[in-house]
Amino acid sequence: MNHQKVHEQLAHFSREIKLPYTLKHFKEELEEANKKNKTYETFLYDLLEKEYDLRKENGRKSRIRNARFPYKKYLEDLVIEDLPEDAQKKVKIFSTLKFIETGQNIILAGNPGTGNYEKQWFMERNEVAALICNGCSFICFHNTSI
């Protein structure tokens, strides 16, 4: 089988089993492997690693898109200086995400208008938290009288 036919078949297989990185970059990866004299195992490892990385990134983007958040906000967008002093300290602590590693939940309590809901939105949408927050809850309470 000639190289052209092999490349066509590889493109077909990549399309059928949904390997978008391989489909798009196979020839470039093959040329690089030939230039660097990579072994077959190294070539396959590098190709599949990039395929895996692309799939993980696409999955992350898909989860964020499917969540249908009304708007995106990130901790980096929060003007920490506008928050009360105690909230500034807590946001810095929360931004390390150590509470996720220890399996702790976050409860934000305060009067309406004090920014608890905004802080909750920021933390829920933080990309790192979206990837690793399995089972953690962000709960926001407002101290309102009935």
Protein backbone atom coordinates (compact mmCIF):
# COMPACT_ATOMS: atom_id res chain seq x y z
CA MET A 1 0.00 0.00 0.00
CA ASN A 2 1.49 3.40 -0.97
CA HIS A 3 1.86 6.36 1.42
CA GLN A 4 -1.04 8.29 -0.11
CA LYS A 5 -3.42 5.37 0.38
CA VAL A 6 -2.18 4.83 3.96
CA HIS A 7 -2.73 8.52 4.79
CA GLU A 8 -6.24 8.39 3.34
CA GLN A 9 -7.06 5.31 5.40
CA LEU A 10 -5.63 6.89 8.55
CA ALA A 11 -7.76 9.99 7.96
CA HIS A 12 -10.80 7.76 7.45
CA PHE A 13 -10.12 5.77 10.64
CA SER A 14 -9.46 8.95 12.62
CA ARG A 15 -12.75 10.42 11.45
CA GLU A 16 -14.71 7.23 12.17
CA ILE A 17 -13.40 6.74 15.70
CA LYS A 18 -13.48 10.47 16.41
CA LEU A 19 -9.82 11.36 16.83
CA PRO A 20 -9.84 15.03 15.77
CA TYR A 21 -6.24 15.82 16.69
CA THR A 22 -4.95 12.81 14.79
CA LEU A 23 -7.11 13.66 11.80
CA LYS A 24 -5.87 17.24 11.66
CA HIS A 25 -2.20 16.83 12.63
CA PHE A 26 -1.17 13.31 11.64
CA LYS A 27 1.08 14.33 8.76
CA GLU A 28 2.83 17.03 10.81
CA GLU A 29 3.37 14.64 13.71
CA LEU A 30 4.73 11.99 11.34
CA GLU A 31 7.15 14.47 9.76
CA GLU A 32 8.34 15.58 13.20
CA ALA A 33 8.80 11.96 14.28
CA ASN A 34 10.87 11.24 11.18
CA LYS A 35 13.04 14.34 11.70
CA LYS A 36 13.68 13.49 15.35
CA ASN A 37 14.07 9.74 14.70
CA LYS A 38 11.37 8.90 17.25
CA THR A 39 10.58 5.27 17.94
CA TYR A 40 7.13 3.98 17.03
CA GLU A 41 6.22 3.86 20.69
CA THR A 42 7.30 7.46 21.29
CA PHE A 43 5.47 8.65 18.18
CA LEU A 44 2.27 6.87 19.22
CA TYR A 45 2.62 8.07 22.81
CA ASP A 46 3.04 11.71 21.74
CA LEU A 47 0.15 11.50 19.29
CA LEU A 48 -2.23 9.92 21.80
CA GLU A 49 -1.14 12.32 24.55
CA LYS A 50 -2.06 15.30 22.38
CA GLU A 51 -5.34 13.62 21.44
CA TYR A 52 -6.06 13.05 25.12
CA ASP A 53 -5.22 16.68 26.01
CA LEU A 54 -7.51 17.96 23.25
CA ARG A 55 -10.34 15.71 24.40
CA LYS A 56 -9.97 16.87 28.02
CA GLU A 57 -9.94 20.53 26.95
CA ASN A 58 -12.97 20.06 24.70
CA GLY A 59 -14.78 18.28 27.55
CA ARG A 60 -14.06 21.18 29.90
CA LYS A 61 -15.35 23.67 27.36
CA SER A 62 -18.41 21.53 26.73
CA ARG A 63 -19.25 21.30 30.45
CA ILE A 64 -19.00 25.06 30.80
CA ARG A 65 -21.13 25.59 27.67
CA ASN A 66 -23.74 23.00 28.76
CA ALA A 67 -24.04 24.62 32.18
CA ARG A 68 -25.65 27.57 30.36
CA PHE A 69 -24.29 30.13 32.76
CA PRO A 70 -25.93 33.50 32.10
CA TYR A 71 -22.49 35.10 31.97
CA LYS A 72 -18.92 34.13 32.73
CA LYS A 73 -17.05 35.62 35.62
CA TYR A 74 -13.72 34.57 37.04
CA LEU A 75 -11.86 35.31 40.24
CA GLU A 76 -9.39 37.32 38.19
CA ASP A 77 -12.26 39.68 37.27
CA LEU A 78 -13.28 40.31 40.88
CA VAL A 79 -12.16 43.68 42.23
CA ILE A 80 -11.04 42.49 45.64
CA GLU A 81 -10.47 46.02 46.91
CA ASP A 82 -14.23 46.70 46.57
CA LEU A 83 -15.06 43.96 49.09
CA PRO A 84 -15.18 44.38 52.88
CA GLU A 85 -11.86 43.64 54.59
CA ASP A 86 -12.94 40.26 56.02
CA ALA A 87 -14.29 39.19 52.62
CA GLN A 88 -10.99 40.17 50.97
CA LYS A 89 -9.14 37.75 53.25
CA LYS A 90 -11.63 34.95 52.65
CA VAL A 91 -11.60 35.34 48.88
CA LYS A 92 -7.82 35.00 48.91
CA ILE A 93 -8.16 31.81 50.97
CA PHE A 94 -10.92 30.42 48.76
CA SER A 95 -8.97 31.19 45.58
CA THR A 96 -6.31 28.62 46.58
CA LEU A 97 -9.01 25.90 46.32
CA LYS A 98 -7.56 24.07 49.33
CA PHE A 99 -11.12 23.51 50.58
CA ILE A 100 -11.74 21.22 47.60
CA GLU A 101 -8.74 19.01 48.40
CA THR A 102 -9.98 18.58 51.96
CA GLY A 103 -13.59 17.98 50.86
CA GLN A 104 -14.99 21.04 52.62
CA ASN A 105 -18.03 22.98 51.50
CA ILE A 106 -18.37 26.73 51.33
CA ILE A 107 -21.31 28.54 52.88
CA LEU A 108 -21.58 32.25 52.15
CA ALA A 109 -23.87 34.11 54.53
CA GLY A 110 -24.63 37.78 54.77
CA ASN A 111 -27.06 40.55 54.16
CA PRO A 112 -28.41 41.17 50.66
CA GLY A 113 -26.10 43.34 48.61
CA THR A 114 -22.89 42.30 50.36
CA GLY A 115 -21.57 40.37 47.36
CA ASN A 116 -22.09 36.77 48.53
CA TYR A 117 -23.93 35.79 45.39
CA GLU A 118 -21.21 37.34 43.22
CA LYS A 119 -18.47 35.51 45.15
CA GLN A 120 -20.40 32.26 44.70
CA TRP A 121 -20.69 32.82 40.94
CA PHE A 122 -16.96 33.53 40.70
CA MET A 123 -15.99 30.40 42.56
CA GLU A 124 -18.41 28.15 40.66
CA ARG A 125 -17.07 29.38 37.37
CA ASN A 126 -13.40 29.24 38.23
CA GLU A 127 -12.04 26.87 35.60
CA VAL A 128 -9.90 24.92 38.03
CA ALA A 129 -12.81 24.42 40.41
CA ALA A 130 -15.02 23.31 37.52
CA LEU A 131 -12.56 20.54 36.76
CA ILE A 132 -11.88 19.23 40.25
CA CYS A 133 -14.87 20.17 42.41
CA ASN A 134 -16.47 16.74 42.78
CA GLY A 135 -19.18 16.85 45.39
CA CYS A 136 -18.30 20.25 46.82
CA SER A 137 -21.14 22.66 47.34
CA PHE A 138 -21.28 26.40 47.12
CA ILE A 139 -24.25 27.60 49.16
CA CYS A 140 -25.31 31.21 49.46
CA PHE A 141 -27.65 32.42 52.22
CA HIS A 142 -29.02 35.91 52.64
CA ASN A 143 -29.97 37.16 56.06
CA THR A 144 -33.42 38.46 55.25
CA SER A 145 -36.28 39.00 57.61
CA ILE A 146 -39.78 37.87 56.67
